N, C-alpha and C. Protein backbone atom coordinates (compact mmCIF):
# COMPACT_ATOMS: atom_id res chain seq x y z
N MET A 1 48.46 24.05 94.43
CA MET A 1 47.94 24.10 95.77
C MET A 1 48.96 23.61 96.69
N LEU A 2 49.32 24.37 97.74
CA LEU A 2 50.34 23.95 98.75
C LEU A 2 49.78 23.16 100.02
N PHE A 3 48.53 23.49 100.24
CA PHE A 3 47.86 22.95 101.32
C PHE A 3 46.60 22.19 100.98
N GLY A 4 46.43 21.07 101.69
CA GLY A 4 45.30 20.28 101.39
C GLY A 4 44.43 19.96 102.59
N SER A 5 43.27 19.77 102.30
CA SER A 5 42.34 19.29 103.41
C SER A 5 42.06 17.88 103.36
N TRP A 6 42.57 17.15 104.31
CA TRP A 6 42.32 15.71 104.33
C TRP A 6 41.47 15.29 105.43
N ALA A 7 41.05 16.13 106.24
CA ALA A 7 40.00 15.74 107.26
C ALA A 7 39.42 17.18 107.77
N ALA A 8 38.32 17.46 107.21
CA ALA A 8 37.74 18.72 107.52
C ALA A 8 37.60 18.90 109.04
N PRO A 9 37.92 20.03 109.65
CA PRO A 9 38.42 21.24 109.00
C PRO A 9 39.97 21.43 109.04
N MET A 10 40.82 20.29 109.18
CA MET A 10 42.20 20.33 109.23
C MET A 10 42.83 20.69 107.97
N MET A 11 43.94 21.54 107.96
CA MET A 11 44.70 21.88 106.80
C MET A 11 46.05 21.53 107.15
N ARG A 12 46.74 20.96 106.21
CA ARG A 12 48.18 20.65 106.32
C ARG A 12 48.95 20.80 105.06
N PRO A 13 50.17 21.13 105.16
CA PRO A 13 51.01 21.29 103.89
C PRO A 13 51.03 19.85 103.12
N LEU A 14 50.92 19.92 101.77
CA LEU A 14 50.89 18.67 100.96
C LEU A 14 52.32 18.08 100.98
N ASN A 15 52.62 16.88 101.05
CA ASN A 15 53.76 16.19 101.14
C ASN A 15 54.57 16.41 99.73
N ASP A 16 53.86 16.80 98.67
CA ASP A 16 54.68 16.85 97.30
C ASP A 16 55.06 18.26 97.01
N ILE A 17 55.09 19.12 98.05
CA ILE A 17 55.64 20.44 97.86
C ILE A 17 57.10 20.30 97.43
N ASP A 18 57.46 21.01 96.35
CA ASP A 18 58.84 20.93 95.94
C ASP A 18 59.92 21.63 96.81
N TYR A 19 59.54 22.93 97.05
CA TYR A 19 60.44 23.94 97.80
C TYR A 19 59.78 24.44 99.03
N VAL A 20 60.42 24.11 100.19
CA VAL A 20 60.06 24.79 101.42
C VAL A 20 61.32 25.54 101.98
N TRP A 21 61.15 26.75 102.10
CA TRP A 21 62.36 27.48 102.67
C TRP A 21 62.19 27.82 104.06
N LEU A 22 63.00 27.37 104.90
CA LEU A 22 62.92 27.48 106.35
C LEU A 22 63.79 28.56 106.85
N ALA A 23 63.35 29.67 107.43
CA ALA A 23 64.14 30.77 107.90
C ALA A 23 64.56 30.31 109.35
N ARG A 24 65.84 30.17 109.59
CA ARG A 24 66.29 29.63 110.87
C ARG A 24 66.19 30.64 111.90
N GLU A 25 66.35 31.90 111.73
CA GLU A 25 66.33 32.89 112.62
C GLU A 25 64.87 33.16 113.07
N PRO A 26 64.66 33.29 114.38
CA PRO A 26 63.24 33.59 114.88
C PRO A 26 62.83 35.00 114.35
N GLN A 27 61.53 35.11 114.06
CA GLN A 27 61.03 36.42 113.59
C GLN A 27 60.01 36.99 114.53
N ASP A 28 59.76 38.27 114.54
CA ASP A 28 58.78 38.94 115.34
C ASP A 28 57.43 38.61 114.68
N PHE A 29 56.56 37.95 115.48
CA PHE A 29 55.38 37.39 114.86
C PHE A 29 54.08 38.46 114.83
N ARG A 30 54.52 39.73 115.04
CA ARG A 30 53.65 40.78 114.83
C ARG A 30 53.63 40.99 113.36
N LYS A 31 54.62 40.60 112.71
CA LYS A 31 54.68 40.74 111.19
C LYS A 31 53.67 39.96 110.58
N GLY A 32 52.97 40.50 109.66
CA GLY A 32 52.05 39.73 108.75
C GLY A 32 52.73 39.49 107.36
N ILE A 33 51.73 39.44 106.52
CA ILE A 33 52.16 39.21 105.04
C ILE A 33 53.20 40.10 104.54
N ASN A 34 52.94 41.48 104.68
CA ASN A 34 53.97 42.42 104.25
C ASN A 34 55.22 42.25 104.78
N GLY A 35 55.25 42.25 106.04
CA GLY A 35 56.49 42.14 106.82
C GLY A 35 57.32 40.84 106.52
N LEU A 36 56.63 39.72 106.44
CA LEU A 36 57.27 38.56 106.13
C LEU A 36 57.79 38.53 104.69
N SER A 37 56.93 39.08 103.74
CA SER A 37 57.50 39.26 102.39
C SER A 37 58.78 40.03 102.26
N ILE A 38 58.93 41.05 103.06
CA ILE A 38 60.15 41.78 103.05
C ILE A 38 61.32 40.84 103.53
N VAL A 39 60.97 40.04 104.66
CA VAL A 39 61.96 39.19 105.10
C VAL A 39 62.47 38.07 104.07
N VAL A 40 61.61 37.60 103.33
CA VAL A 40 61.84 36.73 102.31
C VAL A 40 62.82 37.49 101.21
N GLU A 41 62.57 38.60 100.84
CA GLU A 41 63.37 39.27 99.90
C GLU A 41 64.75 39.72 100.47
N GLU A 42 64.71 40.33 101.64
CA GLU A 42 65.91 40.96 102.19
C GLU A 42 66.77 39.86 102.90
N GLN A 43 66.30 39.01 103.78
CA GLN A 43 67.03 38.30 104.54
C GLN A 43 67.35 36.90 103.86
N LEU A 44 66.31 36.25 103.22
CA LEU A 44 66.39 35.03 102.56
C LEU A 44 66.86 35.13 101.12
N ALA A 45 66.84 36.25 100.59
CA ALA A 45 67.26 36.59 99.13
C ALA A 45 66.39 35.70 98.18
N HIS A 46 65.11 35.59 98.33
CA HIS A 46 64.27 34.92 97.46
C HIS A 46 63.06 35.77 97.13
N ASN A 47 62.41 35.40 95.95
CA ASN A 47 61.26 36.07 95.50
C ASN A 47 59.97 35.56 96.32
N PRO A 48 59.24 36.39 97.00
CA PRO A 48 58.07 35.95 97.67
C PRO A 48 56.89 35.55 96.75
N PHE A 49 56.99 35.95 95.41
CA PHE A 49 55.96 35.72 94.42
C PHE A 49 56.31 34.46 93.76
N SER A 50 57.36 33.65 94.15
CA SER A 50 57.75 32.45 93.33
C SER A 50 56.80 31.39 93.54
N GLY A 51 55.82 31.34 94.41
CA GLY A 51 55.03 30.21 94.73
C GLY A 51 55.59 29.20 95.76
N HIS A 52 56.81 29.38 96.15
CA HIS A 52 57.46 28.50 97.13
C HIS A 52 56.85 28.87 98.45
N LEU A 53 57.13 27.88 99.41
CA LEU A 53 56.50 28.07 100.81
C LEU A 53 57.69 28.49 101.68
N PHE A 54 57.42 29.66 102.40
CA PHE A 54 58.40 30.16 103.35
C PHE A 54 57.97 30.04 104.77
N VAL A 55 58.74 29.41 105.58
CA VAL A 55 58.34 29.06 106.83
C VAL A 55 59.24 29.86 107.94
N PHE A 56 58.59 30.31 108.95
CA PHE A 56 59.15 31.19 110.01
C PHE A 56 58.76 30.69 111.46
N ILE A 57 59.63 30.86 112.38
CA ILE A 57 59.43 30.56 113.69
C ILE A 57 59.53 31.80 114.59
N ASN A 58 58.80 31.75 115.64
CA ASN A 58 58.85 32.84 116.76
C ASN A 58 60.01 32.62 117.73
N LYS A 59 60.36 33.55 118.55
CA LYS A 59 61.47 33.34 119.52
C LYS A 59 61.12 32.27 120.57
N GLY A 60 59.94 32.11 120.96
CA GLY A 60 59.56 31.07 121.89
C GLY A 60 59.42 29.70 121.32
N ARG A 61 59.67 29.55 119.99
CA ARG A 61 59.53 28.32 119.28
C ARG A 61 58.18 27.60 119.49
N ASP A 62 57.13 28.27 119.76
CA ASP A 62 55.86 27.65 119.90
C ASP A 62 54.91 27.93 118.76
N LYS A 63 55.43 28.74 117.80
CA LYS A 63 54.61 29.17 116.78
C LYS A 63 55.28 29.15 115.28
N ILE A 64 54.55 28.74 114.39
CA ILE A 64 55.16 28.72 113.00
C ILE A 64 54.21 29.45 112.11
N LYS A 65 54.74 30.28 111.14
CA LYS A 65 54.00 30.90 110.07
C LYS A 65 54.56 30.40 108.86
N ALA A 66 53.68 30.25 107.85
CA ALA A 66 54.07 29.81 106.50
C ALA A 66 53.37 30.88 105.55
N LEU A 67 54.21 31.37 104.62
CA LEU A 67 53.81 32.38 103.70
C LEU A 67 53.97 31.77 102.22
N TYR A 68 53.01 31.94 101.45
CA TYR A 68 53.23 31.64 99.96
C TYR A 68 52.31 32.41 99.13
N TRP A 69 52.66 32.53 97.79
CA TRP A 69 51.96 33.26 96.83
C TRP A 69 51.02 32.19 96.12
N GLU A 70 49.73 32.49 95.94
CA GLU A 70 48.92 31.53 95.29
C GLU A 70 48.15 32.27 94.11
N ARG A 71 48.48 32.15 92.88
CA ARG A 71 47.78 32.79 91.78
C ARG A 71 47.52 34.25 91.88
N SER A 72 46.57 34.59 92.92
CA SER A 72 46.22 36.05 92.90
C SER A 72 46.43 36.81 94.19
N GLY A 73 47.24 36.04 95.15
CA GLY A 73 47.42 36.76 96.39
C GLY A 73 48.25 35.91 97.40
N PHE A 74 48.62 36.57 98.42
CA PHE A 74 49.44 35.79 99.39
C PHE A 74 48.52 35.09 100.43
N CYS A 75 48.99 33.93 100.85
CA CYS A 75 48.36 33.11 101.95
C CYS A 75 49.31 33.01 103.06
N LEU A 76 48.76 33.29 104.26
CA LEU A 76 49.54 33.07 105.46
C LEU A 76 48.91 32.07 106.38
N TRP A 77 49.66 31.07 106.88
CA TRP A 77 49.11 29.92 107.61
C TRP A 77 49.99 29.97 108.96
N GLN A 78 49.30 29.68 110.01
CA GLN A 78 50.04 29.75 111.35
C GLN A 78 49.63 28.49 112.15
N LYS A 79 50.56 27.95 112.93
CA LYS A 79 50.20 26.99 113.84
C LYS A 79 50.86 27.35 115.19
N ARG A 80 50.08 27.07 116.30
CA ARG A 80 50.53 27.40 117.70
C ARG A 80 50.47 26.18 118.43
N LEU A 81 51.55 25.93 119.27
CA LEU A 81 51.64 24.73 120.17
C LEU A 81 51.25 25.32 121.45
N GLU A 82 50.53 24.38 122.24
CA GLU A 82 49.93 24.90 123.59
C GLU A 82 51.04 24.42 124.67
N LYS A 83 51.76 23.35 124.58
CA LYS A 83 52.68 22.92 125.68
C LYS A 83 54.09 22.67 125.11
N GLU A 84 54.13 22.25 124.01
CA GLU A 84 55.46 21.75 123.41
C GLU A 84 56.27 22.95 122.66
N ARG A 85 57.36 22.70 122.18
CA ARG A 85 58.18 23.61 121.36
C ARG A 85 58.42 22.96 120.11
N PHE A 86 58.60 23.68 118.96
CA PHE A 86 59.10 23.06 117.68
C PHE A 86 60.57 22.75 117.77
N ARG A 87 60.94 21.63 117.26
CA ARG A 87 62.45 21.42 117.13
C ARG A 87 62.87 22.08 115.89
N TRP A 88 63.76 23.05 116.06
CA TRP A 88 64.23 23.87 114.92
C TRP A 88 65.66 23.72 114.74
N PRO A 89 66.12 23.54 113.47
CA PRO A 89 67.49 23.20 113.28
C PRO A 89 68.45 24.46 113.61
N GLU A 90 69.39 24.30 114.47
CA GLU A 90 70.24 25.46 114.92
C GLU A 90 71.68 25.04 114.58
N HIS A 91 71.97 23.86 114.25
CA HIS A 91 73.55 23.54 114.05
C HIS A 91 73.99 23.76 112.58
N LEU A 92 73.13 24.16 111.80
CA LEU A 92 73.60 24.34 110.34
C LEU A 92 74.13 25.85 110.12
N PRO A 93 75.05 26.00 109.14
CA PRO A 93 75.66 27.28 108.94
C PRO A 93 74.70 28.27 108.28
N ASP A 94 73.95 27.93 107.39
CA ASP A 94 73.11 28.88 106.60
C ASP A 94 72.02 29.39 107.38
N ASP A 95 71.62 30.65 106.82
CA ASP A 95 70.36 31.29 107.49
C ASP A 95 69.16 30.74 106.95
N VAL A 96 69.00 29.98 105.90
CA VAL A 96 67.92 29.40 105.27
C VAL A 96 68.14 27.89 105.02
N LEU A 97 67.23 27.03 105.20
CA LEU A 97 67.35 25.66 105.06
C LEU A 97 66.17 25.28 104.05
N THR A 98 66.50 24.33 103.21
CA THR A 98 65.38 23.87 102.18
C THR A 98 64.95 22.54 102.62
N LEU A 99 63.65 22.44 102.64
CA LEU A 99 62.89 21.19 103.03
C LEU A 99 62.02 20.81 101.74
N ASP A 100 61.43 19.52 101.88
CA ASP A 100 60.41 19.21 101.00
C ASP A 100 59.09 19.06 101.92
N GLY A 101 58.04 18.90 101.29
CA GLY A 101 56.66 18.87 101.93
C GLY A 101 56.78 17.83 103.11
N GLN A 102 57.28 16.65 102.82
CA GLN A 102 57.16 15.46 103.84
C GLN A 102 58.08 15.99 105.10
N GLN A 103 59.28 16.57 104.76
CA GLN A 103 60.07 17.04 106.04
C GLN A 103 59.36 18.06 106.74
N LEU A 104 58.68 18.98 106.16
CA LEU A 104 57.92 20.05 106.75
C LEU A 104 56.97 19.41 107.71
N ASN A 105 56.28 18.41 107.13
CA ASN A 105 55.20 17.88 108.04
C ASN A 105 55.78 17.10 109.12
N TRP A 106 56.88 16.57 109.00
CA TRP A 106 57.71 15.90 110.09
C TRP A 106 57.94 16.98 111.16
N LEU A 107 58.28 18.12 110.68
CA LEU A 107 58.76 19.22 111.62
C LEU A 107 57.52 19.67 112.50
N LEU A 108 56.40 19.75 111.74
CA LEU A 108 55.11 20.13 112.31
C LEU A 108 54.64 19.13 113.32
N ASP A 109 55.01 17.90 113.16
CA ASP A 109 54.64 16.80 114.07
C ASP A 109 55.58 16.67 115.16
N GLY A 110 56.83 17.38 115.13
CA GLY A 110 57.61 17.28 116.04
C GLY A 110 58.90 16.29 115.98
N TYR A 111 59.06 15.75 114.71
CA TYR A 111 60.10 14.59 114.53
C TYR A 111 61.47 15.14 114.15
N VAL A 112 61.48 16.36 113.57
CA VAL A 112 62.76 16.96 112.95
C VAL A 112 63.55 17.58 114.12
């Protein structure tokens, strides 16, 4: 399980997630599970069925989507900010960045 419920009805990624792949290039958020799975395979060069968490941002940096495979199907999670923008790493040379669960939660909270 990648997401936990620690205060109903809130859901957050668990801190003990081993692999979080952060796609640094903004994505078209009209893409759903199928479109983002293709991005995972073609742009990130990873297997979307791996059980790892893949995180995407939109061009306005006010929305994040997280995609992962869980036993029998894909799960897609989204967070939208009303006034702020996510701080997204831009200064690194790679197209994909690896985080752990704690770092992802820091990013979701605006610390990274």
